[in-house]
């Protein structure tokens, strides 16, 4: 449970119509496979994750990813959020010098 509620829209798909569109509807079982899609305000899928029932999802990771996509959108793509980035940590500036060198500049422990 998220204290204060979930800060973004969520969808339930009892009939499987939307799951069929996204390719996660299991027709034999009559249910959607668990999926999470992050869709930006322009309707573009930025991320998705599909898990079978034996493995659960981590809400905190979904929220972290939402915050990262929001940050990237706010900077119009000038800054990116590497794996493990948390709000308040430094971001990376996009450019040719970054290619192959993320490990040299991304040091969240410092």
PDB file of N, CA and C in Angstrom:
ATOM      1  N   UNK A   1       0.840  -1.183   0.000  1.00  0.00           N
ATOM      2  CA  UNK A   1       0.000   0.000   0.000  1.00  0.00           C
ATOM      3  C   UNK A   1       0.886   1.248   0.000  1.00  0.00           C
ATOM      4  N   UNK A   2       0.477   2.242  -0.735  1.00  0.00           N
ATOM      5  CA  UNK A   2       1.222   3.491  -0.812  1.00  0.00           C
ATOM      6  C   UNK A   2       0.528   4.508   0.087  1.00  0.00           C
ATOM      7  N   UNK A   3       1.255   5.021   1.070  1.00  0.00           N
ATOM      8  CA  UNK A   3       0.694   5.999   2.003  1.00  0.00           C
ATOM      9  C   UNK A   3       0.162   7.205   1.243  1.00  0.00           C
ATOM     10  N   UNK A   4      -1.071   7.559   1.477  1.00  0.00           N
ATOM     11  CA  UNK A   4      -1.683   8.693   0.796  1.00  0.00           C
ATOM     12  C   UNK A   4      -2.230   8.350  -0.578  1.00  0.00           C
ATOM     13  N   UNK A   5      -2.145   7.100  -0.987  1.00  0.00           N
ATOM     14  CA  UNK A   5      -2.667   6.688  -2.289  1.00  0.00           C
ATOM     15  C   UNK A   5      -1.593   6.663  -3.354  1.00  0.00           C
ATOM     16  N   UNK A   6      -1.951   6.127  -4.478  1.00  0.00           N
ATOM     17  CA  UNK A   6      -1.026   6.024  -5.604  1.00  0.00           C
ATOM     18  C   UNK A   6      -1.058   7.353  -6.365  1.00  0.00           C
ATOM     19  N   UNK A   7       0.105   7.993  -6.576  1.00  0.00           N
ATOM     20  CA  UNK A   7       0.139   9.328  -7.170  1.00  0.00           C
ATOM     21  C   UNK A   7       0.070   9.359  -8.698  1.00  0.00           C
ATOM     22  N   UNK A   8      -0.512   8.327  -9.300  1.00  0.00           N
ATOM     23  CA  UNK A   8      -0.632   8.278 -10.750  1.00  0.00           C
ATOM     24  C   UNK A   8      -1.810   7.380 -11.109  1.00  0.00           C
ATOM     25  N   UNK A   9      -2.359   7.536 -12.319  1.00  0.00           N
ATOM     26  CA  UNK A   9      -3.510   6.714 -12.712  1.00  0.00           C
ATOM     27  C   UNK A   9      -3.142   5.239 -12.850  1.00  0.00           C
ATOM     28  N   UNK A  10      -4.053   4.389 -12.417  1.00  0.00           N
ATOM     29  CA  UNK A  10      -3.875   2.947 -12.574  1.00  0.00           C
ATOM     30  C   UNK A  10      -5.119   2.405 -13.265  1.00  0.00           C
ATOM     31  N   UNK A  11      -5.007   1.230 -13.836  1.00  0.00           N
ATOM     32  CA  UNK A  11      -6.086   0.649 -14.612  1.00  0.00           C
ATOM     33  C   UNK A  11      -6.304  -0.801 -14.209  1.00  0.00           C
ATOM     34  N   UNK A  12      -7.557  -1.200 -14.123  1.00  0.00           N
ATOM     35  CA  UNK A  12      -7.911  -2.602 -13.927  1.00  0.00           C
ATOM     36  C   UNK A  12      -8.586  -3.044 -15.217  1.00  0.00           C
ATOM     37  N   UNK A  13      -8.343  -4.264 -15.641  1.00  0.00           N
ATOM     38  CA  UNK A  13      -8.811  -4.728 -16.949  1.00  0.00           C
ATOM     39  C   UNK A  13      -9.528  -6.069 -16.820  1.00  0.00           C
ATOM     40  N   UNK A  14     -10.677  -6.058 -16.122  1.00  0.00           N
ATOM     41  CA  UNK A  14     -11.395  -7.304 -15.844  1.00  0.00           C
ATOM     42  C   UNK A  14     -11.769  -8.082 -17.101  1.00  0.00           C
ATOM     43  N   UNK A  15     -12.089  -7.425 -18.185  1.00  0.00           N
ATOM     44  CA  UNK A  15     -12.490  -8.119 -19.405  1.00  0.00           C
ATOM     45  C   UNK A  15     -11.350  -8.513 -20.324  1.00  0.00           C
ATOM     46  N   UNK A  16     -10.145  -8.016 -20.055  1.00  0.00           N
ATOM     47  CA  UNK A  16      -8.991  -8.360 -20.866  1.00  0.00           C
ATOM     48  C   UNK A  16      -8.891  -7.633 -22.185  1.00  0.00           C
ATOM     49  N   UNK A  17      -9.759  -6.663 -22.431  1.00  0.00           N
ATOM     50  CA  UNK A  17      -9.731  -5.959 -23.726  1.00  0.00           C
ATOM     51  C   UNK A  17      -8.446  -5.145 -23.890  1.00  0.00           C
ATOM     52  N   UNK A  18      -8.038  -4.474 -22.833  1.00  0.00           N
ATOM     53  CA  UNK A  18      -6.822  -3.660 -22.929  1.00  0.00           C
ATOM     54  C   UNK A  18      -5.596  -4.563 -22.926  1.00  0.00           C
ATOM     55  N   UNK A  19      -5.617  -5.613 -22.116  1.00  0.00           N
ATOM     56  CA  UNK A  19      -4.506  -6.570 -22.076  1.00  0.00           C
ATOM     57  C   UNK A  19      -4.262  -7.200 -23.430  1.00  0.00           C
ATOM     58  N   UNK A  20      -5.323  -7.450 -24.173  1.00  0.00           N
ATOM     59  CA  UNK A  20      -5.171  -8.024 -25.513  1.00  0.00           C
ATOM     60  C   UNK A  20      -4.433  -7.049 -26.427  1.00  0.00           C
ATOM     61  N   UNK A  21      -4.747  -5.765 -26.314  1.00  0.00           N
ATOM     62  CA  UNK A  21      -4.078  -4.747 -27.134  1.00  0.00           C
ATOM     63  C   UNK A  21      -2.584  -4.705 -26.823  1.00  0.00           C
ATOM     64  N   UNK A  22      -2.227  -4.837 -25.535  1.00  0.00           N
ATOM     65  CA  UNK A  22      -0.833  -4.762 -25.118  1.00  0.00           C
ATOM     66  C   UNK A  22      -0.131  -6.118 -25.119  1.00  0.00           C
ATOM     67  N   UNK A  23      -0.826  -7.153 -25.523  1.00  0.00           N
ATOM     68  CA  UNK A  23      -0.207  -8.470 -25.655  1.00  0.00           C
ATOM     69  C   UNK A  23       0.036  -9.199 -24.349  1.00  0.00           C
ATOM     70  N   UNK A  24      -0.734  -8.884 -23.316  1.00  0.00           N
ATOM     71  CA  UNK A  24      -0.527  -9.554 -22.030  1.00  0.00           C
ATOM     72  C   UNK A  24      -1.756 -10.348 -21.577  1.00  0.00           C
ATOM     73  N   UNK A  25      -2.753 -10.476 -22.435  1.00  0.00           N
ATOM     74  CA  UNK A  25      -3.958 -11.220 -22.069  1.00  0.00           C
ATOM     75  C   UNK A  25      -3.738 -12.705 -22.318  1.00  0.00           C
ATOM     76  N   UNK A  26      -3.921 -13.507 -21.280  1.00  0.00           N
ATOM     77  CA  UNK A  26      -3.803 -14.959 -21.373  1.00  0.00           C
ATOM     78  C   UNK A  26      -5.200 -15.504 -21.637  1.00  0.00           C
ATOM     79  N   UNK A  27      -5.478 -15.769 -22.900  1.00  0.00           N
ATOM     80  CA  UNK A  27      -6.825 -16.183 -23.300  1.00  0.00           C
ATOM     81  C   UNK A  27      -7.244 -17.498 -22.640  1.00  0.00           C
ATOM     82  N   UNK A  28      -6.327 -18.455 -22.524  1.00  0.00           N
ATOM     83  CA  UNK A  28      -6.654 -19.749 -21.922  1.00  0.00           C
ATOM     84  C   UNK A  28      -7.092 -19.598 -20.467  1.00  0.00           C
ATOM     85  N   UNK A  29      -6.409 -18.712 -19.732  1.00  0.00           N
ATOM     86  CA  UNK A  29      -6.739 -18.500 -18.322  1.00  0.00           C
ATOM     87  C   UNK A  29      -7.830 -17.450 -18.141  1.00  0.00           C
ATOM     88  N   UNK A  30      -8.063 -16.634 -19.168  1.00  0.00           N
ATOM     89  CA  UNK A  30      -9.081 -15.586 -19.091  1.00  0.00           C
ATOM     90  C   UNK A  30      -8.682 -14.399 -18.227  1.00  0.00           C
ATOM     91  N   UNK A  31      -7.370 -14.165 -18.110  1.00  0.00           N
ATOM     92  CA  UNK A  31      -6.876 -13.046 -17.296  1.00  0.00           C
ATOM     93  C   UNK A  31      -5.669 -12.397 -17.969  1.00  0.00           C
ATOM     94  N   UNK A  32      -5.388 -11.178 -17.557  1.00  0.00           N
ATOM     95  CA  UNK A  32      -4.159 -10.520 -17.989  1.00  0.00           C
ATOM     96  C   UNK A  32      -3.001 -11.057 -17.159  1.00  0.00           C
ATOM     97  N   UNK A  33      -1.842 -11.218 -17.789  1.00  0.00           N
ATOM     98  CA  UNK A  33      -0.617 -11.473 -17.048  1.00  0.00           C
ATOM     99  C   UNK A  33      -0.278 -10.140 -16.392  1.00  0.00           C
ATOM    100  N   UNK A  34       0.304 -10.173 -15.210  1.00  0.00           N
ATOM    101  CA  UNK A  34       0.591  -8.911 -14.522  1.00  0.00           C
ATOM    102  C   UNK A  34       1.549  -8.059 -15.346  1.00  0.00           C
ATOM    103  N   UNK A  35       1.126  -6.845 -15.619  1.00  0.00           N
ATOM    104  CA  UNK A  35       1.958  -5.945 -16.400  1.00  0.00           C
ATOM    105  C   UNK A  35       1.915  -4.541 -15.851  1.00  0.00           C
ATOM    106  N   UNK A  36       3.001  -3.826 -16.081  1.00  0.00           N
ATOM    107  CA  UNK A  36       3.085  -2.424 -15.692  1.00  0.00           C
ATOM    108  C   UNK A  36       3.602  -1.665 -16.894  1.00  0.00           C
ATOM    109  N   UNK A  37       2.872  -0.655 -17.290  1.00  0.00           N
ATOM    110  CA  UNK A  37       3.246   0.163 -18.428  1.00  0.00           C
ATOM    111  C   UNK A  37       3.339   1.607 -17.969  1.00  0.00           C
ATOM    112  N   UNK A  38       4.422   2.275 -18.307  1.00  0.00           N
ATOM    113  CA  UNK A  38       4.549   3.706 -18.043  1.00  0.00           C
ATOM    114  C   UNK A  38       4.332   4.394 -19.382  1.00  0.00           C
ATOM    115  N   UNK A  39       3.240   5.136 -19.460  1.00  0.00           N
ATOM    116  CA  UNK A  39       2.844   5.808 -20.699  1.00  0.00           C
ATOM    117  C   UNK A  39       2.912   7.309 -20.446  1.00  0.00           C
ATOM    118  N   UNK A  40       3.666   8.010 -21.272  1.00  0.00           N
ATOM    119  CA  UNK A  40       3.849   9.443 -21.045  1.00  0.00           C
ATOM    120  C   UNK A  40       2.616  10.234 -21.477  1.00  0.00           C
ATOM    121  N   UNK A  41       2.581  11.537 -21.172  1.00  0.00           N
ATOM    122  CA  UNK A  41       1.420  12.358 -21.528  1.00  0.00           C
ATOM    123  C   UNK A  41       1.118  12.400 -23.029  1.00  0.00           C
ATOM    124  N   UNK A  42       2.099  12.041 -23.862  1.00  0.00           N
ATOM    125  CA  UNK A  42       1.885  12.015 -25.313  1.00  0.00           C
ATOM    126  C   UNK A  42       1.351  10.666 -25.777  1.00  0.00           C
ATOM    127  N   UNK A  43       1.126   9.731 -24.833  1.00  0.00           N
ATOM    128  CA  UNK A  43       0.607   8.413 -25.177  1.00  0.00           C
ATOM    129  C   UNK A  43       1.667   7.423 -25.622  1.00  0.00           C
ATOM    130  N   UNK A  44       2.935   7.727 -25.395  1.00  0.00           N
ATOM    131  CA  UNK A  44       4.032   6.854 -25.813  1.00  0.00           C
ATOM    132  C   UNK A  44       4.469   5.985 -24.636  1.00  0.00           C
ATOM    133  N   UNK A  45       4.560   4.681 -24.865  1.00  0.00           N
ATOM    134  CA  UNK A  45       5.033   3.768 -23.833  1.00  0.00           C
ATOM    135  C   UNK A  45       6.527   4.012 -23.625  1.00  0.00           C
ATOM    136  N   UNK A  46       6.878   4.409 -22.410  1.00  0.00           N
ATOM    137  CA  UNK A  46       8.276   4.660 -22.076  1.00  0.00           C
ATOM    138  C   UNK A  46       8.919   3.443 -21.417  1.00  0.00           C
ATOM    139  N   UNK A  47       8.097   2.625 -20.748  1.00  0.00           N
ATOM    140  CA  UNK A  47       8.623   1.437 -20.071  1.00  0.00           C
ATOM    141  C   UNK A  47       7.490   0.446 -19.865  1.00  0.00           C
ATOM    142  N   UNK A  48       7.844  -0.824 -19.835  1.00  0.00           N
ATOM    143  CA  UNK A  48       6.866  -1.836 -19.458  1.00  0.00           C
ATOM    144  C   UNK A  48       7.576  -3.006 -18.817  1.00  0.00           C
ATOM    145  N   UNK A  49       6.826  -3.696 -17.970  1.00  0.00           N
ATOM    146  CA  UNK A  49       7.354  -4.866 -17.272  1.00  0.00           C
ATOM    147  C   UNK A  49       6.209  -5.862 -17.174  1.00  0.00           C
ATOM    148  N   UNK A  50       6.475  -7.089 -17.531  1.00  0.00           N
ATOM    149  CA  UNK A  50       5.471  -8.142 -17.459  1.00  0.00           C
ATOM    150  C   UNK A  50       6.066  -9.284 -16.647  1.00  0.00           C
ATOM    151  N   UNK A  51       5.345  -9.685 -15.612  1.00  0.00           N
ATOM    152  CA  UNK A  51       5.814 -10.746 -14.723  1.00  0.00           C
ATOM    153  C   UNK A  51       4.763 -11.848 -14.615  1.00  0.00           C
ATOM    154  N   UNK A  52       5.213 -13.071 -14.539  1.00  0.00           N
ATOM    155  CA  UNK A  52       4.293 -14.174 -14.290  1.00  0.00           C
ATOM    156  C   UNK A  52       3.963 -14.181 -12.794  1.00  0.00           C
ATOM    157  N   UNK A  53       2.867 -14.816 -12.407  1.00  0.00           N
ATOM    158  CA  UNK A  53       2.401 -14.743 -11.017  1.00  0.00           C
ATOM    159  C   UNK A  53       3.401 -15.120  -9.919  1.00  0.00           C
ATOM    160  N   UNK A  54       4.361 -16.016 -10.133  1.00  0.00           N
ATOM    161  CA  UNK A  54       5.233 -16.372  -9.006  1.00  0.00           C
ATOM    162  C   UNK A  54       6.153 -15.260  -8.507  1.00  0.00           C
ATOM    163  N   UNK A  55       6.347 -14.200  -9.284  1.00  0.00           N
ATOM    164  CA  UNK A  55       7.257 -13.132  -8.878  1.00  0.00           C
ATOM    165  C   UNK A  55       6.477 -11.824  -8.760  1.00  0.00           C
ATOM    166  N   UNK A  56       6.604 -11.183  -7.617  1.00  0.00           N
ATOM    167  CA  UNK A  56       5.882  -9.940  -7.380  1.00  0.00           C
ATOM    168  C   UNK A  56       6.631  -8.725  -7.891  1.00  0.00           C
ATOM    169  N   UNK A  57       5.909  -7.622  -7.908  1.00  0.00           N
ATOM    170  CA  UNK A  57       6.487  -6.357  -8.342  1.00  0.00           C
ATOM    171  C   UNK A  57       6.824  -5.509  -7.133  1.00  0.00           C
ATOM    172  N   UNK A  58       7.689  -4.535  -7.324  1.00  0.00           N
ATOM    173  CA  UNK A  58       8.080  -3.632  -6.246  1.00  0.00           C
ATOM    174  C   UNK A  58       7.573  -2.239  -6.582  1.00  0.00           C
ATOM    175  N   UNK A  59       6.583  -1.778  -5.835  1.00  0.00           N
ATOM    176  CA  UNK A  59       5.960  -0.489  -6.100  1.00  0.00           C
ATOM    177  C   UNK A  59       6.987   0.634  -6.042  1.00  0.00           C
ATOM    178  N   UNK A  60       7.912   0.562  -5.097  1.00  0.00           N
ATOM    179  CA  UNK A  60       8.923   1.620  -4.964  1.00  0.00           C
ATOM    180  C   UNK A  60       9.739   1.767  -6.243  1.00  0.00           C
ATOM    181  N   UNK A  61      10.028   0.667  -6.927  1.00  0.00           N
ATOM    182  CA  UNK A  61      10.785   0.747  -8.186  1.00  0.00           C
ATOM    183  C   UNK A  61       9.949   1.404  -9.268  1.00  0.00           C
ATOM    184  N   UNK A  62       8.671   1.100  -9.313  1.00  0.00           N
ATOM    185  CA  UNK A  62       7.788   1.738 -10.298  1.00  0.00           C
ATOM    186  C   UNK A  62       7.744   3.240 -10.075  1.00  0.00           C
ATOM    187  N   UNK A  63       7.622   3.647  -8.812  1.00  0.00           N
ATOM    188  CA  UNK A  63       7.578   5.082  -8.492  1.00  0.00           C
ATOM    189  C   UNK A  63       8.907   5.742  -8.837  1.00  0.00           C
ATOM    190  N   UNK A  64      10.035   5.068  -8.549  1.00  0.00           N
ATOM    191  CA  UNK A  64      11.349   5.615  -8.892  1.00  0.00           C
ATOM    192  C   UNK A  64      11.460   5.833 -10.396  1.00  0.00           C
ATOM    193  N   UNK A  65      11.002   4.859 -11.166  1.00  0.00           N
ATOM    194  CA  UNK A  65      11.063   4.995 -12.617  1.00  0.00           C
ATOM    195  C   UNK A  65      10.159   6.130 -13.104  1.00  0.00           C
ATOM    196  N   UNK A  66       8.976   6.252 -12.535  1.00  0.00           N
ATOM    197  CA  UNK A  66       8.100   7.369 -12.902  1.00  0.00           C
ATOM    198  C   UNK A  66       8.792   8.700 -12.634  1.00  0.00           C
ATOM    199  N   UNK A  67       9.421   8.824 -11.472  1.00  0.00           N
ATOM    200  CA  UNK A  67      10.123  10.062 -11.135  1.00  0.00           C
ATOM    201  C   UNK A  67      11.267  10.329 -12.107  1.00  0.00           C
ATOM    202  N   UNK A  68      11.968   9.279 -12.508  1.00  0.00           N
ATOM    203  CA  UNK A  68      13.067   9.445 -13.464  1.00  0.00           C
ATOM    204  C   UNK A  68      12.534   9.903 -14.822  1.00  0.00           C
ATOM    205  N   UNK A  69      11.460   9.275 -15.302  1.00  0.00           N
ATOM    206  CA  UNK A  69      10.891   9.697 -16.584  1.00  0.00           C
ATOM    207  C   UNK A  69      10.360  11.123 -16.506  1.00  0.00           C
ATOM    208  N   UNK A  70       9.772  11.493 -15.380  1.00  0.00           N
ATOM    209  CA  UNK A  70       9.298  12.869 -15.207  1.00  0.00           C
ATOM    210  C   UNK A  70      10.464  13.854 -15.244  1.00  0.00           C
ATOM    211  N   UNK A  71      11.575  13.489 -14.610  1.00  0.00           N
ATOM    212  CA  UNK A  71      12.749  14.370 -14.603  1.00  0.00           C
ATOM    213  C   UNK A  71      13.310  14.541 -16.018  1.00  0.00           C
ATOM    214  N   UNK A  72      13.442  13.443 -16.722  1.00  0.00           N
ATOM    215  CA  UNK A  72      13.970  13.509 -18.092  1.00  0.00           C
ATOM    216  C   UNK A  72      13.061  14.376 -18.957  1.00  0.00           C
ATOM    217  N   UNK A  73      11.753  14.205 -18.806  1.00  0.00           N
ATOM    218  CA  UNK A  73      10.803  15.004 -19.584  1.00  0.00           C
ATOM    219  C   UNK A  73      10.915  16.480 -19.223  1.00  0.00           C
ATOM    220  N   UNK A  74      11.052  16.765 -17.927  1.00  0.00           N
ATOM    221  CA  UNK A  74      11.170  18.152 -17.467  1.00  0.00           C
ATOM    222  C   UNK A  74      12.397  18.833 -18.065  1.00  0.00           C
ATOM    223  N   UNK A  75      13.496  18.087 -18.220  1.00  0.00           N
ATOM    224  CA  UNK A  75      14.725  18.665 -18.781  1.00  0.00           C
ATOM    225  C   UNK A  75      14.761  18.553 -20.307  1.00  0.00           C
ATOM    226  N   UNK A  76      13.649  18.088 -20.882  1.00  0.00           N
ATOM    227  CA  UNK A  76      13.543  17.909 -22.334  1.00  0.00           C
ATOM    228  C   UNK A  76      14.648  17.010 -22.892  1.00  0.00           C
ATOM    229  N   UNK A  77      15.054  16.033 -22.076  1.00  0.00           N
ATOM    230  CA  UNK A  77      16.045  15.065 -22.518  1.00  0.00           C
ATOM    231  C   UNK A  77      17.488  15.506 -22.371  1.00  0.00           C
ATOM    232  N   UNK A  78      17.722  16.683 -21.808  1.00  0.00           N
ATOM    233  CA  UNK A  78      19.099  17.159 -21.631  1.00  0.00           C
ATOM    234  C   UNK A  78      19.812  16.406 -20.507  1.00  0.00           C
ATOM    235  N   UNK A  79      19.024  15.858 -19.581  1.00  0.00           N
ATOM    236  CA  UNK A  79      19.584  15.077 -18.479  1.00  0.00           C
ATOM    237  C   UNK A  79      18.946  13.693 -18.503  1.00  0.00           C
ATOM    238  N   UNK A  80      19.727  12.693 -18.128  1.00  0.00           N
ATOM    239  CA  UNK A  80      19.215  11.325 -18.056  1.00  0.00           C
ATOM    240  C   UNK A  80      19.483  10.768 -16.661  1.00  0.00           C
ATOM    241  N   UNK A  81      18.697   9.757 -16.309  1.00  0.00           N
ATOM    242  CA  UNK A  81      18.781   9.140 -14.985  1.00  0.00           C
ATOM    243  C   UNK A  81      19.263   7.706 -15.150  1.00  0.00           C
ATOM    244  N   UNK A  82      20.477   7.408 -14.722  1.00  0.00           N
ATOM    245  CA  UNK A  82      21.008   6.058 -14.886  1.00  0.00           C
ATOM    246  C   UNK A  82      20.330   5.057 -13.948  1.00  0.00           C
ATOM    247  N   UNK A  83      20.631   3.790 -14.151  1.00  0.00           N
ATOM    248  CA  UNK A  83      20.079   2.731 -13.310  1.00  0.00           C
ATOM    249  C   UNK A  83      20.397   3.020 -11.852  1.00  0.00           C
ATOM    250  N   UNK A  84      19.407   2.852 -11.005  1.00  0.00           N
ATOM    251  CA  UNK A  84      19.605   3.079  -9.589  1.00  0.00           C
ATOM    252  C   UNK A  84      19.468   4.529  -9.154  1.00  0.00           C
ATOM    253  N   UNK A  85      19.278   5.445 -10.097  1.00  0.00           N
ATOM    254  CA  UNK A  85      19.114   6.857  -9.758  1.00  0.00           C
ATOM    255  C   UNK A  85      17.918   7.034  -8.839  1.00  0.00           C
ATOM    256  N   UNK A  86      18.075   7.887  -7.851  1.00  0.00           N
ATOM    257  CA  UNK A  86      17.001   8.260  -6.935  1.00  0.00           C
ATOM    258  C   UNK A  86      16.857   9.777  -6.976  1.00  0.00           C
ATOM    259  N   UNK A  87      15.636  10.284  -6.779  1.00  0.00           N
ATOM    260  CA  UNK A  87      15.454  11.738  -6.750  1.00  0.00           C
ATOM    261  C   UNK A  87      16.419  12.392  -5.773  1.00  0.00           C
ATOM    262  N   UNK A  88      17.015  13.486  -6.203  1.00  0.00           N
ATOM    263  CA  UNK A  88      17.992  14.201  -5.387  1.00  0.00           C
ATOM    264  C   UNK A  88      19.426  13.854  -5.734  1.00  0.00           C
ATOM    265  N   UNK A  89      19.629  12.716  -6.399  1.00  0.00           N
ATOM    266  CA  UNK A  89      20.981  12.353  -6.822  1.00  0.00           C
ATOM    267  C   UNK A  89      21.310  13.078  -8.122  1.00  0.00           C
ATOM    268  N   UNK A  90      22.599  13.190  -8.432  1.00  0.00           N
ATOM    269  CA  UNK A  90      22.975  13.833  -9.686  1.00  0.00           C
ATOM    270  C   UNK A  90      22.448  13.047 -10.885  1.00  0.00           C
ATOM    271  N   UNK A  91      22.210  13.751 -11.945  1.00  0.00           N
ATOM    272  CA  UNK A  91      21.830  13.124 -13.208  1.00  0.00           C
ATOM    273  C   UNK A  91      23.025  13.207 -14.150  1.00  0.00           C
ATOM    274  N   UNK A  92      22.849  12.697 -15.327  1.00  0.00           N
ATOM    275  CA  UNK A  92      23.916  12.744 -16.325  1.00  0.00           C
ATOM    276  C   UNK A  92      23.513  13.684 -17.450  1.00  0.00           C
ATOM    277  N   UNK A  93      24.463  14.446 -17.945  1.00  0.00           N
ATOM    278  CA  UNK A  93      24.229  15.345 -19.080  1.00  0.00           C
ATOM    279  C   UNK A  93      24.475  14.568 -20.362  1.00  0.00           C
ATOM    280  N   UNK A  94      23.533  14.642 -21.252  1.00  0.00           N
ATOM    281  CA  UNK A  94      23.619  13.904 -22.514  1.00  0.00           C
ATOM    282  C   UNK A  94      24.676  14.531 -23.415  1.00  0.00           C
ATOM    283  N   UNK A  95      25.470  13.678 -24.071  1.00  0.00           N
ATOM    284  CA  UNK A  95      26.471  14.163 -25.010  1.00  0.00           C
ATOM    285  C   UNK A  95      27.407  13.040 -25.415  1.00  0.00           C
ATOM    286  N   UNK A  96      28.176  13.246 -26.474  1.00  0.00           N
ATOM    287  CA  UNK A  96      29.067  12.207 -26.966  1.00  0.00           C
ATOM    288  C   UNK A  96      30.120  11.767 -25.950  1.00  0.00           C
ATOM    289  N   UNK A  97      30.514  12.658 -25.036  1.00  0.00           N
ATOM    290  CA  UNK A  97      31.521  12.291 -24.039  1.00  0.00           C
ATOM    291  C   UNK A  97      31.000  11.273 -23.035  1.00  0.00           C
ATOM    292  N   UNK A  98      29.695  11.148 -22.936  1.00  0.00           N
ATOM    293  CA  UNK A  98      29.089  10.219 -21.984  1.00  0.00           C
ATOM    294  C   UNK A  98      29.126   8.777 -22.478  1.00  0.00           C
ATOM    295  N   UNK A  99      29.137   8.590 -23.788  1.00  0.00           N
ATOM    296  CA  UNK A  99      29.101   7.250 -24.379  1.00  0.00           C
ATOM    297  C   UNK A  99      30.304   6.428 -23.909  1.00  0.00           C
ATOM    298  N   UNK A 100      30.011   5.309 -23.277  1.00  0.00           N
ATOM    299  CA  UNK A 100      31.061   4.430 -22.774  1.00  0.00           C
ATOM    300  C   UNK A 100      31.732   4.900 -21.495  1.00  0.00           C
ATOM    301  N   UNK A 101      31.296   6.034 -20.960  1.00  0.00           N
ATOM    302  CA  UNK A 101      31.947   6.601 -19.786  1.00  0.00           C
ATOM    303  C   UNK A 101      31.013   6.815 -18.600  1.00  0.00           C
ATOM    304  N   UNK A 102      29.818   6.255 -18.657  1.00  0.00           N
ATOM    305  CA  UNK A 102      28.871   6.449 -17.558  1.00  0.00           C
ATOM    306  C   UNK A 102      29.499   6.040 -16.234  1.00  0.00           C
ATOM    307  N   UNK A 103      30.199   4.936 -16.242  1.00  0.00           N
ATOM    308  CA  UNK A 103      30.809   4.437 -14.999  1.00  0.00           C
ATOM    309  C   UNK A 103      31.818   5.411 -14.408  1.00  0.00           C
ATOM    310  N   UNK A 104      32.387   6.285 -15.254  1.00  0.00           N
ATOM    311  CA  UNK A 104      33.355   7.250 -14.753  1.00  0.00           C
ATOM    312  C   UNK A 104      32.698   8.446 -14.076  1.00  0.00           C
ATOM    313  N   UNK A 105      31.487   8.803 -14.541  1.00  0.00           N
ATOM    314  CA  UNK A 105      30.829   9.994 -14.002  1.00  0.00           C
ATOM    315  C   UNK A 105      29.690   9.682 -13.054  1.00  0.00           C
ATOM    316  N   UNK A 106      29.098   8.505 -13.123  1.00  0.00           N
ATOM    317  CA  UNK A 106      27.970   8.147 -12.259  1.00  0.00           C
ATOM    318  C   UNK A 106      28.493   7.458 -11.015  1.00  0.00           C
ATOM    319  N   UNK A 107      28.564   8.212  -9.929  1.00  0.00           N
ATOM    320  CA  UNK A 107      29.060   7.691  -8.648  1.00  0.00           C
ATOM    321  C   UNK A 107      28.085   8.144  -7.547  1.00  0.00           C
ATOM    322  N   UNK A 108      26.945   7.451  -7.433  1.00  0.00           N
ATOM    323  CA  UNK A 108      25.916   7.892  -6.485  1.00  0.00           C
ATOM    324  C   UNK A 108      26.316   7.797  -5.021  1.00  0.00           C
ATOM    325  N   UNK A 109      27.349   7.017  -4.698  1.00  0.00           N
ATOM    326  CA  UNK A 109      27.769   6.858  -3.302  1.00  0.00           C
ATOM    327  C   UNK A 109      28.456   8.108  -2.769  1.00  0.00           C
ATOM    328  N   UNK A 110      29.029   8.895  -3.659  1.00  0.00           N
ATOM    329  CA  UNK A 110      29.830  10.056  -3.227  1.00  0.00           C
ATOM    330  C   UNK A 110      28.959  11.185  -2.749  1.00  0.00           C
TER     331      UNK A 110
END
